[in-house]
């Protein structure tokens, strides 16, 4: 597990995976296809990430995750 803030340690590996895919600019459908899950499940992960990081957009989410160390440039 990557080092990051305390909230990150409570996230599941799948949620971290969704965060990386968002950082790579993938749409929900693309993320669902890559992970082999339903798009609605991806939407749930995205909603949870927005709540955790107190953001309203994917750009805000990625910026905060990079600043907090929850996402690394190398992962993008």
C-alpha atoms as a PDB file:
ATOM      1  CA  UNK A   1       0.000   0.000   0.000  1.00  0.00           C
ATOM      2  CA  UNK A   2       1.225   3.451  -0.877  1.00  0.00           C
ATOM      3  CA  UNK A   3       1.885   5.931   1.866  1.00  0.00           C
ATOM      4  CA  UNK A   4      -0.701   8.659   1.932  1.00  0.00           C
ATOM      5  CA  UNK A   5      -3.097  10.364   4.245  1.00  0.00           C
ATOM      6  CA  UNK A   6      -5.050   8.516   6.924  1.00  0.00           C
ATOM      7  CA  UNK A   7      -8.206   8.379   4.807  1.00  0.00           C
ATOM      8  CA  UNK A   8      -6.305   6.602   2.044  1.00  0.00           C
ATOM      9  CA  UNK A   9      -5.474   3.730   4.367  1.00  0.00           C
ATOM     10  CA  UNK A  10      -9.199   3.048   4.746  1.00  0.00           C
ATOM     11  CA  UNK A  11      -9.758   2.806   1.001  1.00  0.00           C
ATOM     12  CA  UNK A  12      -9.948  -0.524  -0.717  1.00  0.00           C
ATOM     13  CA  UNK A  13      -7.412  -1.465  -3.396  1.00  0.00           C
ATOM     14  CA  UNK A  14     -10.262  -1.283  -5.939  1.00  0.00           C
ATOM     15  CA  UNK A  15     -11.010   2.302  -4.952  1.00  0.00           C
ATOM     16  CA  UNK A  16      -7.322   3.154  -5.357  1.00  0.00           C
ATOM     17  CA  UNK A  17      -7.438   1.538  -8.785  1.00  0.00           C
ATOM     18  CA  UNK A  18     -10.407   3.722  -9.772  1.00  0.00           C
ATOM     19  CA  UNK A  19      -8.513   6.799  -8.552  1.00  0.00           C
ATOM     20  CA  UNK A  20      -5.560   5.940 -10.801  1.00  0.00           C
ATOM     21  CA  UNK A  21      -7.844   5.387 -13.802  1.00  0.00           C
ATOM     22  CA  UNK A  22      -9.550   8.740 -13.152  1.00  0.00           C
ATOM     23  CA  UNK A  23      -6.096  10.322 -13.052  1.00  0.00           C
ATOM     24  CA  UNK A  24      -5.384   8.735 -16.426  1.00  0.00           C
ATOM     25  CA  UNK A  25      -8.480  10.443 -17.824  1.00  0.00           C
ATOM     26  CA  UNK A  26     -10.630   7.361 -18.341  1.00  0.00           C
ATOM     27  CA  UNK A  27     -14.422   7.597 -18.437  1.00  0.00           C
ATOM     28  CA  UNK A  28     -16.588   5.481 -16.143  1.00  0.00           C
ATOM     29  CA  UNK A  29     -17.376   2.995 -18.932  1.00  0.00           C
ATOM     30  CA  UNK A  30     -13.682   2.570 -19.759  1.00  0.00           C
ATOM     31  CA  UNK A  31     -12.854   2.023 -16.079  1.00  0.00           C
ATOM     32  CA  UNK A  32     -15.655  -0.538 -15.759  1.00  0.00           C
ATOM     33  CA  UNK A  33     -14.404  -2.434 -18.810  1.00  0.00           C
ATOM     34  CA  UNK A  34     -10.812  -2.506 -17.551  1.00  0.00           C
ATOM     35  CA  UNK A  35     -11.835  -3.634 -14.068  1.00  0.00           C
ATOM     36  CA  UNK A  36     -14.485  -6.103 -15.223  1.00  0.00           C
ATOM     37  CA  UNK A  37     -17.212  -4.455 -13.151  1.00  0.00           C
ATOM     38  CA  UNK A  38     -20.465  -2.619 -13.862  1.00  0.00           C
ATOM     39  CA  UNK A  39     -20.421   1.065 -14.684  1.00  0.00           C
ATOM     40  CA  UNK A  40     -22.789   1.701 -11.757  1.00  0.00           C
ATOM     41  CA  UNK A  41     -20.167   0.223  -9.431  1.00  0.00           C
ATOM     42  CA  UNK A  42     -17.580   2.626 -10.833  1.00  0.00           C
ATOM     43  CA  UNK A  43     -19.982   5.503 -10.231  1.00  0.00           C
ATOM     44  CA  UNK A  44     -20.249   4.414  -6.602  1.00  0.00           C
ATOM     45  CA  UNK A  45     -16.456   4.408  -6.255  1.00  0.00           C
ATOM     46  CA  UNK A  46     -16.251   7.850  -7.872  1.00  0.00           C
ATOM     47  CA  UNK A  47     -18.941   9.222  -5.548  1.00  0.00           C
ATOM     48  CA  UNK A  48     -17.073   7.837  -2.531  1.00  0.00           C
ATOM     49  CA  UNK A  49     -13.832   9.442  -3.732  1.00  0.00           C
ATOM     50  CA  UNK A  50     -15.574  12.804  -4.242  1.00  0.00           C
ATOM     51  CA  UNK A  51     -16.870  12.608  -0.668  1.00  0.00           C
ATOM     52  CA  UNK A  52     -13.540  11.539   0.806  1.00  0.00           C
ATOM     53  CA  UNK A  53     -11.590  14.311  -0.918  1.00  0.00           C
ATOM     54  CA  UNK A  54     -14.406  16.869  -0.581  1.00  0.00           C
ATOM     55  CA  UNK A  55     -14.426  17.551  -4.315  1.00  0.00           C
ATOM     56  CA  UNK A  56     -17.049  17.992  -7.008  1.00  0.00           C
ATOM     57  CA  UNK A  57     -15.080  17.226 -10.153  1.00  0.00           C
ATOM     58  CA  UNK A  58     -12.547  14.728 -11.406  1.00  0.00           C
ATOM     59  CA  UNK A  59      -9.970  17.467 -11.909  1.00  0.00           C
ATOM     60  CA  UNK A  60     -10.321  18.635  -8.305  1.00  0.00           C
ATOM     61  CA  UNK A  61     -10.096  15.018  -7.163  1.00  0.00           C
ATOM     62  CA  UNK A  62      -6.874  14.334  -9.058  1.00  0.00           C
ATOM     63  CA  UNK A  63      -5.256  17.593  -7.952  1.00  0.00           C
ATOM     64  CA  UNK A  64      -6.069  16.933  -4.282  1.00  0.00           C
ATOM     65  CA  UNK A  65      -4.954  13.302  -4.517  1.00  0.00           C
ATOM     66  CA  UNK A  66      -1.633  14.391  -6.052  1.00  0.00           C
ATOM     67  CA  UNK A  67      -1.108  17.067  -3.393  1.00  0.00           C
ATOM     68  CA  UNK A  68      -1.935  14.615  -0.587  1.00  0.00           C
ATOM     69  CA  UNK A  69       0.340  11.898  -1.944  1.00  0.00           C
ATOM     70  CA  UNK A  70      -2.604   9.570  -2.575  1.00  0.00           C
ATOM     71  CA  UNK A  71      -1.792   9.559  -6.275  1.00  0.00           C
ATOM     72  CA  UNK A  72       1.643   9.611  -7.867  1.00  0.00           C
ATOM     73  CA  UNK A  73       2.555  11.194 -11.210  1.00  0.00           C
ATOM     74  CA  UNK A  74       4.221   7.901 -12.157  1.00  0.00           C
ATOM     75  CA  UNK A  75       0.830   6.162 -11.967  1.00  0.00           C
ATOM     76  CA  UNK A  76      -0.704   8.428 -14.588  1.00  0.00           C
END
